[in-house]
Protein backbone atom coordinates (compact mmCIF):
# COMPACT_ATOMS: atom_id res chain seq x y z
CA MET A 1 -207.59 81.55 -36.76
CA GLN A 2 -206.43 85.04 -35.55
CA LEU A 3 -208.68 88.01 -34.71
CA ARG A 4 -207.77 91.69 -34.76
CA ALA A 5 -209.73 93.32 -32.15
CA GLY A 6 -209.69 96.83 -30.97
CA TYR A 7 -211.29 100.36 -30.56
CA GLU A 8 -211.04 104.11 -30.95
CA LEU A 9 -213.06 106.50 -28.34
CA ILE A 10 -212.71 110.30 -28.79
CA TYR A 11 -213.73 112.58 -26.14
CA ASN A 12 -213.99 116.24 -25.57
CA PHE A 13 -213.90 117.46 -21.74
CA PRO A 14 -214.34 120.88 -20.90
CA GLN A 15 -212.22 120.41 -18.16
CA THR A 16 -209.71 118.13 -16.19
CA THR A 17 -212.01 114.64 -15.31
CA PRO A 18 -211.35 111.80 -13.50
CA ILE A 19 -212.26 108.74 -15.55
CA ILE A 20 -212.43 104.77 -14.90
CA LEU A 21 -211.94 102.51 -17.84
CA VAL A 22 -213.25 99.09 -18.37
CA VAL A 23 -211.45 98.25 -22.06
CA SER A 24 -209.24 95.10 -21.86
CA THR A 25 -209.31 91.64 -22.81
CA HIS A 26 -210.27 89.48 -19.90
CA GLU A 27 -207.15 87.62 -18.04
CA SER A 28 -208.79 84.33 -19.08
CA ARG A 29 -207.80 85.16 -22.95
CA ASP A 30 -204.15 86.05 -21.82
CA SER A 31 -202.66 82.43 -23.18
CA ASP A 32 -204.31 83.65 -26.91
CA ILE A 33 -203.05 87.27 -26.73
CA VAL A 34 -200.50 87.33 -29.76
CA VAL A 35 -200.24 91.27 -29.77
CA PRO A 36 -201.13 92.86 -26.71
CA ASP A 37 -204.23 95.19 -26.30
CA ARG A 38 -202.25 98.24 -24.65
CA LEU A 39 -204.13 100.86 -23.86
CA VAL A 40 -202.81 104.18 -26.08
CA THR A 41 -204.19 107.57 -24.87
CA GLU A 42 -203.63 110.97 -26.71
CA PRO A 43 -202.70 113.35 -25.27
CA ALA A 44 -200.66 110.66 -23.06
CA ILE A 45 -201.22 110.31 -19.39
CA PRO A 46 -200.41 108.13 -16.51
CA LEU A 47 -202.96 105.49 -16.14
CA THR A 48 -203.28 103.46 -12.60
CA ALA A 49 -204.30 99.48 -13.58
CA TRP A 50 -206.12 97.04 -10.91
CA CYS A 51 -208.51 94.40 -10.94
CA ASP A 52 -211.84 94.69 -9.49
CA VAL A 53 -213.95 92.58 -7.06
CA PHE A 54 -215.09 90.39 -10.32
CA GLY A 55 -211.40 89.90 -11.68
CA ASN A 56 -211.97 92.63 -14.54
CA ARG A 57 -209.05 94.79 -15.76
CA CYS A 58 -209.55 98.34 -14.89
CA TYR A 59 -207.68 101.72 -15.39
CA ARG A 60 -207.86 104.93 -13.68
CA ALA A 61 -206.95 108.05 -15.21
CA LEU A 62 -207.34 112.03 -14.91
CA ALA A 63 -208.37 112.96 -18.52
CA PRO A 64 -207.33 116.54 -19.70
CA ALA A 65 -209.45 119.42 -20.85
CA GLY A 66 -210.27 119.67 -24.35
CA ARG A 67 -209.93 116.24 -26.91
CA PHE A 68 -209.04 113.05 -25.57
CA ARG A 69 -208.29 109.85 -27.44
CA LEU A 70 -208.55 106.49 -26.36
CA THR A 71 -207.29 103.33 -28.65
CA THR A 72 -205.88 99.81 -28.72
CA ASP A 73 -205.49 97.45 -31.20
CA CYS A 74 -204.57 93.87 -30.34
CA ILE A 75 -204.48 90.13 -32.26
CA ILE A 76 -205.76 87.50 -30.31
CA GLU A 77 -206.06 83.58 -31.25
CA ASP A 78 -209.21 82.26 -31.53
CA SER A 79 -210.56 78.57 -32.07
CA GLY A 80 -212.66 79.85 -34.59
CA ARG A 81 -215.39 77.48 -33.12
CA PRO A 82 -218.84 78.92 -32.61
CA ASP A 83 -220.39 78.91 -29.02
CA GLU A 84 -220.46 75.44 -27.15
CA THR A 85 -224.09 74.06 -26.65
CA VAL A 86 -224.47 71.38 -23.86
CA PRO A 87 -228.43 70.66 -24.15
CA ASP A 88 -227.74 67.98 -21.06
CA ALA A 89 -226.38 70.69 -18.84
CA TRP A 90 -228.36 69.93 -15.46
CA GLN A 91 -229.51 72.73 -12.90
CA ASP A 92 -228.33 72.83 -9.41
CA SER A 93 -230.47 73.08 -6.39
CA VAL A 94 -229.63 76.61 -4.60
CA GLN A 95 -228.63 74.59 -1.93
CA ASP A 96 -226.08 72.99 -3.84
CA LEU A 97 -224.71 75.80 -5.80
CA PRO A 98 -221.07 76.86 -5.27
CA ILE A 99 -220.72 80.24 -2.53
CA GLU A 100 -219.19 82.31 -5.53
CA THR A 101 -222.15 81.48 -7.38
CA LEU A 102 -224.62 83.58 -5.35
CA THR A 103 -223.79 86.87 -6.17
CA PHE A 104 -225.26 86.14 -9.66
CA LEU A 105 -228.35 84.77 -8.11
CA LEU A 106 -229.34 87.93 -6.63
CA GLY A 107 -231.20 91.07 -7.89
CA SER A 108 -229.23 93.99 -9.16
CA ARG A 109 -229.55 97.46 -10.68
CA TYR A 110 -230.51 96.63 -13.89
CA CYS A 111 -231.96 93.08 -13.10
CA GLU A 112 -234.93 93.57 -10.89
CA THR A 113 -235.69 90.12 -9.95
CA ASP A 114 -238.26 91.55 -7.39
CA LEU A 115 -240.58 93.00 -10.27
CA LEU A 116 -240.02 89.93 -12.52
CA SER A 117 -240.26 86.89 -10.39
CA GLU A 118 -244.09 86.53 -11.08
CA THR A 119 -243.88 86.88 -14.70
CA ALA A 120 -240.90 84.53 -15.00
CA TRP A 121 -242.58 81.71 -13.11
CA ARG A 122 -245.51 81.94 -14.94
CA LEU A 123 -243.37 81.86 -18.30
CA PHE A 124 -240.90 79.41 -17.46
CA SER A 125 -241.87 76.88 -14.94
CA GLY A 126 -243.11 74.41 -17.61
CA SER A 127 -239.70 74.39 -19.01
CA VAL A 128 -237.14 71.54 -18.23
CA PRO A 129 -234.59 72.73 -15.65
CA GLY A 130 -231.12 73.16 -16.69
CA TYR A 131 -229.87 74.16 -20.36
CA ALA A 132 -233.41 73.81 -22.00
CA ARG A 133 -234.85 76.35 -19.17
CA VAL A 134 -231.87 78.55 -20.06
CA GLN A 135 -232.29 78.57 -23.85
CA ALA A 136 -236.31 78.95 -23.36
CA ILE A 137 -235.67 82.29 -21.43
CA CYS A 138 -233.24 83.41 -24.57
CA ASP A 139 -235.91 82.01 -26.98
CA PHE A 140 -238.69 84.34 -25.36
CA VAL A 141 -235.92 87.51 -24.89
CA HIS A 142 -234.79 87.15 -28.53
CA ASN A 143 -238.64 87.48 -29.81
CA HIS A 144 -239.94 89.52 -27.23
CA ILE A 145 -237.68 92.52 -27.75
CA ALA A 146 -237.12 94.17 -30.84
CA PHE A 147 -233.45 95.54 -31.61
CA ASN A 148 -233.18 99.38 -32.22
CA TYR A 149 -230.11 101.25 -31.96
CA LEU A 150 -232.13 104.41 -32.03
CA VAL A 151 -234.01 103.91 -28.95
CA ALA A 152 -230.71 102.70 -26.79
CA ARG A 153 -231.06 104.44 -23.42
CA ALA A 154 -228.56 103.55 -20.46
CA THR A 155 -230.96 103.96 -17.80
CA ARG A 156 -233.52 101.31 -19.11
CA SER A 157 -233.61 98.05 -16.67
CA ALA A 158 -234.67 94.60 -17.18
CA ALA A 159 -238.29 95.17 -16.20
CA GLU A 160 -238.19 98.29 -18.27
CA ALA A 161 -237.24 96.19 -21.38
CA PHE A 162 -239.59 93.57 -20.71
CA ASN A 163 -242.62 96.21 -20.73
CA GLU A 164 -241.02 98.34 -23.56
CA ARG A 165 -240.35 95.56 -25.77
CA VAL A 166 -237.51 97.37 -27.57
CA GLY A 167 -233.70 97.77 -26.61
CA VAL A 168 -230.17 96.82 -27.72
CA CYS A 169 -227.75 94.02 -26.72
CA ARG A 170 -227.66 94.73 -23.01
CA ASP A 171 -231.13 95.07 -22.59
CA TYR A 172 -231.32 91.60 -24.05
CA ALA A 173 -229.09 90.51 -21.51
CA HIS A 174 -230.29 92.12 -18.52
CA LEU A 175 -234.09 90.46 -18.99
CA ALA A 176 -232.56 87.07 -19.93
CA ILE A 177 -230.20 87.16 -16.65
CA ALA A 178 -233.31 88.78 -14.60
CA PHE A 179 -235.58 85.64 -15.72
CA CYS A 180 -233.01 83.24 -15.03
CA ARG A 181 -232.06 84.58 -11.45
CA CYS A 182 -235.88 84.57 -10.57
CA MET A 183 -235.82 80.91 -11.75
CA ASN A 184 -232.90 80.26 -9.08
CA ILE A 185 -230.15 80.31 -12.06
CA PRO A 186 -227.25 82.14 -11.07
CA ALA A 187 -226.08 84.54 -14.15
CA ARG A 188 -223.55 87.14 -14.94
CA TYR A 189 -223.36 89.84 -17.52
CA CYS A 190 -220.49 89.91 -20.03
CA THR A 191 -219.59 92.48 -22.00
CA GLY A 192 -216.30 92.16 -25.13
CA TYR A 193 -215.80 91.94 -28.70
CA LEU A 194 -218.27 90.02 -31.16
CA SER A 195 -217.11 89.25 -34.85
CA ASP A 196 -219.28 88.62 -37.94
CA LEU A 197 -217.62 85.59 -38.73
CA GLY A 198 -219.89 82.81 -40.07
CA LEU A 199 -222.54 85.65 -41.05
CA GLU A 200 -223.68 86.45 -44.49
CA PRO A 201 -223.15 90.59 -45.24
CA PRO A 202 -224.25 93.44 -44.64
CA PHE A 203 -222.50 93.44 -41.49
CA GLY A 204 -223.77 96.05 -38.85
CA VAL A 205 -221.62 99.10 -37.68
CA GLY A 206 -218.76 97.47 -34.97
CA ASP A 207 -219.60 97.69 -31.79
CA PHE A 208 -218.87 95.90 -27.91
CA ALA A 209 -221.59 93.14 -27.70
CA ALA A 210 -223.46 92.26 -24.25
CA TRP A 211 -224.24 88.75 -23.48
CA PHE A 212 -224.53 86.54 -20.42
CA GLU A 213 -223.33 83.41 -18.80
CA ALA A 214 -225.65 80.80 -17.03
CA TRP A 215 -224.11 78.60 -14.02
CA ILE A 216 -225.49 75.02 -15.05
CA GLY A 217 -224.35 71.71 -15.46
CA GLY A 218 -221.34 72.45 -12.90
CA ARG A 219 -219.93 75.29 -14.65
CA TRP A 220 -220.67 78.77 -16.67
CA HIS A 221 -221.94 78.37 -20.18
CA THR A 222 -222.36 81.53 -22.74
CA PHE A 223 -225.87 82.50 -23.96
CA ASP A 224 -226.50 85.16 -26.57
CA PRO A 225 -230.25 86.21 -26.41
CA ARG A 226 -229.64 89.15 -28.64
CA ASN A 227 -228.79 86.99 -31.66
CA ASN A 228 -229.83 83.65 -30.04
CA GLU A 229 -227.57 81.39 -31.90
CA PRO A 230 -224.25 80.26 -31.39
CA ARG A 231 -221.48 82.59 -33.02
CA MET A 232 -217.60 82.50 -33.71
CA GLY A 233 -215.02 85.26 -32.64
CA ARG A 234 -216.34 86.11 -29.28
CA VAL A 235 -213.77 88.05 -26.72
CA LEU A 236 -214.47 88.61 -23.38
CA MET A 237 -213.55 91.72 -21.76
CA ALA A 238 -215.49 91.77 -18.30
CA ARG A 239 -217.81 90.05 -16.06
CA GLY A 240 -220.70 91.53 -13.58
CA ARG A 241 -223.71 91.80 -11.80
CA ASP A 242 -225.05 93.59 -14.71
CA ALA A 243 -224.02 96.66 -17.25
CA SER A 244 -223.14 98.85 -14.05
CA ASP A 245 -220.27 96.61 -13.03
CA VAL A 246 -218.56 96.76 -16.42
CA ALA A 247 -219.27 100.32 -18.15
CA ILE A 248 -216.46 100.74 -20.78
CA ALA A 249 -216.10 104.26 -19.49
CA THR A 250 -217.12 106.14 -16.30
CA THR A 251 -216.51 109.71 -16.10
CA PHE A 252 -216.68 112.14 -12.94
CA GLY A 253 -218.01 115.37 -14.74
CA PRO A 254 -219.34 116.37 -18.28
CA ASN A 255 -218.01 115.51 -21.54
CA THR A 256 -218.70 114.86 -25.25
CA LEU A 257 -218.25 111.44 -26.86
CA GLU A 258 -217.33 112.66 -30.59
CA SER A 259 -216.34 109.52 -32.10
CA PHE A 260 -217.03 105.67 -31.11
CA ARG A 261 -215.06 102.91 -33.36
CA VAL A 262 -214.97 99.10 -32.62
CA TRP A 263 -213.53 96.34 -34.99
CA THR A 264 -213.49 92.46 -34.41
CA ASP A 265 -212.15 91.26 -37.98
CA GLU A 266 -210.29 87.62 -39.01
CA VAL A 267 -206.52 87.89 -39.72
CA ILE A 268 -206.28 87.18 -43.22
CA THR A 269 -202.90 88.04 -44.26
CA PRO A 270 -199.53 89.32 -42.50
CA VAL A 271 -200.35 92.80 -43.43
CA ASP A 272 -203.13 92.69 -41.26
CA ILE A 273 -200.61 92.20 -38.30
CA ALA A 274 -198.13 94.43 -39.77
CA ILE A 275 -200.28 97.40 -39.49
CA ILE A 276 -200.23 96.85 -36.03
CA GLY A 277 -196.70 96.68 -35.58
């Protein structure tokens, strides 16, 4: 199957403002790209591209004063299969973890392992190490936090989400990541597109999604405590320690976000592709 994925962000800047963008599909999906997700800006401005320390594609630009539009629209091949579940995936002891996973075992800006360690061990020490333990963490987080867009807050941390018991998908991911790290399971934050395929309407307003990956069974596995069930049509954009590493846009000056649209839809007919062309 094929997915049409993209976004439109419209800002208004009172003055010329530097901006960093992390808005491209991850290189791990390059072989699946049918129509590339080329970033288009209006007005057109120069963009400098690079890959950060986590392998994410980034852009640097100087946004002009006034209305500034960012958009992309791509087609990507997708298996159509839901997220993989591997119940027999084991948990490595810390001394056996690959060096590259250790960064994701430590506390970070939004995942305060020092504040949550005692709670994590109280809640999950009795669970079976490995996949079952990560799933137990996801089950707890899914039931503990009430989803509410109206209370979204860019500064909410994992510990605050635990105490406030409310949040959005990034808060679910942060709390589950923090608990995993407290239990000596490397976990990294993911952001990207997530379709509504396989779900019954009504569907929510399109948005970017947050989930996480845990290192168990000798590789990274996808977990989504917000939805807490295997989903179809998940397209990775970026990974990091937490949301601070993969912010869609980081602006170095005041601005107003006037419009925000995201779409991830199955391509049904050739007309869907022709719209992009």
